[in-house]
Amino acid sequence: MVTPTSPDAGAETQALTVLYDGACPLCRREIGIYRGLQPLRPDTPVCFTDVSDTALPLPQGTTREQLMARFHVRAANGQLLSGAQAFLALWATLPGWRWLALAGRLPGAAWAMERVYRLFLRARPALQRWASRLDRPA
């Protein structure tokens, strides 16, 4: 698995780049699951970039706050996807998750997934506090 040092690293390899909030305990857990999987197509790696790391440059036209507020991936063609569309693009590359990407192709499914994701975002601060407590040593 490739982990570039910047959002632009690995672009020539046709990678899907996951831009995630490494300061978020929920995000770190979820990304840990995805990192443990080998992409379905070895010629299309999945790269992970922690946008909370202020030393790393951001994709042109974005802000750190924008990227940390919602889930984003940069597709191999350079298109920046957000929310449900970003999850669907990532899931399509991973074993065990591809069925969700296929479900997202059903009429209205991506729209419904986006609405559920927006509801999750409202609850995210409370869930982050709960997850932070789990990270503390006992």
Protein backbone atom coordinates (compact mmCIF):
# COMPACT_ATOMS: atom_id res chain seq x y z
CA MET A 1 0.00 0.00 0.00
CA VAL A 2 1.31 3.48 -0.87
CA THR A 3 1.24 6.29 1.67
CA PRO A 4 2.41 9.49 -0.04
CA THR A 5 4.00 12.32 1.83
CA SER A 6 1.81 14.88 0.11
CA PRO A 7 -1.60 14.93 -1.58
CA ASP A 8 0.15 15.15 -4.96
CA ALA A 9 2.56 12.26 -4.38
CA GLY A 10 1.68 9.16 -6.34
CA ALA A 11 -0.65 11.00 -8.73
CA GLU A 12 1.22 9.53 -11.68
CA THR A 13 0.43 6.00 -10.45
CA GLN A 14 -3.30 6.48 -10.97
CA ALA A 15 -3.88 6.21 -7.22
CA LEU A 16 -7.05 7.02 -5.37
CA THR A 17 -5.98 9.39 -2.61
CA VAL A 18 -7.97 9.42 0.63
CA LEU A 19 -7.80 12.81 2.35
CA TYR A 20 -8.73 12.21 5.97
CA ASP A 21 -8.73 14.02 9.31
CA GLY A 22 -6.03 12.28 11.32
CA ALA A 23 -6.91 14.40 14.35
CA CYS A 24 -10.34 12.75 14.50
CA PRO A 25 -10.44 9.53 16.55
CA LEU A 26 -13.36 8.20 14.48
CA CYS A 27 -11.56 8.93 11.22
CA ARG A 28 -8.35 7.27 12.43
CA ARG A 29 -10.26 4.11 13.33
CA GLU A 30 -12.06 3.96 10.00
CA ILE A 31 -8.92 4.67 7.98
CA GLY A 32 -7.13 1.96 9.96
CA ILE A 33 -9.70 -0.53 8.68
CA TYR A 34 -9.26 0.61 5.08
CA ARG A 35 -5.45 0.62 5.31
CA GLY A 36 -5.51 -3.01 6.35
CA LEU A 37 -7.03 -4.01 3.01
CA GLN A 38 -5.29 -4.59 -0.29
CA PRO A 39 -6.99 -2.84 -3.22
CA LEU A 40 -8.90 -5.08 -5.60
CA ARG A 41 -6.65 -3.92 -8.44
CA PRO A 42 -2.94 -3.78 -7.50
CA ASP A 43 -2.31 -1.38 -10.41
CA THR A 44 -4.61 1.17 -8.73
CA PRO A 45 -3.22 1.80 -5.24
CA VAL A 46 -5.06 3.61 -2.49
CA CYS A 47 -3.01 6.36 -0.85
CA PHE A 48 -3.80 8.00 2.48
CA THR A 49 -3.05 11.61 3.36
CA ASP A 50 -3.70 13.07 6.80
CA VAL A 51 -4.91 16.61 6.08
CA SER A 52 -4.62 17.55 9.77
CA ASP A 53 -0.82 17.48 9.28
CA THR A 54 -0.07 21.16 8.66
CA ALA A 55 3.32 20.28 7.14
CA LEU A 56 1.65 18.65 4.13
CA PRO A 57 0.44 20.72 1.19
CA LEU A 58 -3.23 20.57 0.27
CA PRO A 59 -4.79 20.00 -3.13
CA GLN A 60 -5.08 23.25 -5.04
CA GLY A 61 -8.28 25.19 -4.35
CA THR A 62 -8.99 23.56 -0.97
CA THR A 63 -8.60 24.54 2.65
CA ARG A 64 -7.65 22.37 5.60
CA GLU A 65 -10.97 23.20 7.29
CA GLN A 66 -12.93 22.15 4.20
CA LEU A 67 -11.07 18.85 3.94
CA MET A 68 -11.39 18.08 7.66
CA ALA A 69 -15.12 18.86 7.77
CA ARG A 70 -16.13 16.08 5.34
CA PHE A 71 -14.64 12.91 3.90
CA HIS A 72 -12.80 13.48 0.59
CA VAL A 73 -10.95 11.41 -1.96
CA ARG A 74 -9.11 12.50 -5.03
CA ALA A 75 -9.84 10.13 -7.88
CA ALA A 76 -7.09 8.92 -10.20
CA ASN A 77 -8.30 11.47 -12.77
CA GLY A 78 -7.73 14.30 -10.25
CA GLN A 79 -11.40 14.91 -9.47
CA LEU A 80 -12.03 15.74 -5.80
CA LEU A 81 -15.03 13.83 -4.44
CA SER A 82 -16.75 14.55 -1.16
CA GLY A 83 -19.19 12.83 1.20
CA ALA A 84 -21.12 9.83 -0.12
CA GLN A 85 -19.48 10.07 -3.55
CA ALA A 86 -16.05 9.87 -1.90
CA PHE A 87 -17.03 6.82 0.14
CA LEU A 88 -18.49 5.12 -2.94
CA ALA A 89 -15.26 5.71 -4.89
CA LEU A 90 -13.14 4.27 -2.06
CA TRP A 91 -15.42 1.32 -1.40
CA ALA A 92 -15.34 0.38 -5.10
CA THR A 93 -11.59 -0.27 -4.75
CA LEU A 94 -11.66 -2.40 -1.59
CA PRO A 95 -12.56 -6.05 -1.00
CA GLY A 96 -15.47 -6.51 1.37
CA TRP A 97 -16.75 -3.00 0.69
CA ARG A 98 -17.39 -3.18 -3.04
CA TRP A 99 -20.97 -4.31 -2.48
CA LEU A 100 -21.74 -0.91 -0.89
CA ALA A 101 -20.32 0.85 -3.94
CA LEU A 102 -22.51 -1.32 -6.15
CA ALA A 103 -25.54 -0.55 -3.97
CA GLY A 104 -24.71 3.14 -4.37
CA ARG A 105 -25.35 2.81 -8.11
CA LEU A 106 -29.01 1.97 -7.55
CA PRO A 107 -31.37 4.83 -8.38
CA GLY A 108 -31.54 7.24 -5.43
CA ALA A 109 -29.06 5.29 -3.30
CA ALA A 110 -26.19 7.80 -3.50
CA TRP A 111 -28.63 10.60 -2.70
CA ALA A 112 -29.89 8.69 0.37
CA MET A 113 -26.33 7.87 1.45
CA GLU A 114 -25.41 11.55 1.25
CA ARG A 115 -28.40 12.49 3.44
CA VAL A 116 -27.43 9.86 6.03
CA TYR A 117 -23.83 11.11 5.93
CA ARG A 118 -25.01 14.67 6.59
CA LEU A 119 -26.95 13.42 9.63
CA PHE A 120 -23.81 11.66 10.83
CA LEU A 121 -21.84 14.91 10.46
CA ARG A 122 -24.24 16.59 12.90
CA ALA A 123 -23.55 13.85 15.47
CA ARG A 124 -19.82 13.67 14.71
CA PRO A 125 -18.62 16.06 17.47
CA ALA A 126 -20.38 14.03 20.19
CA LEU A 127 -19.13 10.77 18.68
CA GLN A 128 -15.59 12.16 18.53
CA ARG A 129 -15.72 12.99 22.25
CA TRP A 130 -16.90 9.45 22.99
CA ALA A 131 -14.17 7.92 20.79
CA SER A 132 -11.54 10.15 22.44
CA ARG A 133 -12.46 8.66 25.80
CA LEU A 134 -11.82 5.18 24.40
CA ASP A 135 -8.34 6.28 23.32
CA ARG A 136 -7.37 7.41 26.83
CA PRO A 137 -5.38 4.96 28.93
CA ALA A 138 -7.42 3.41 31.77
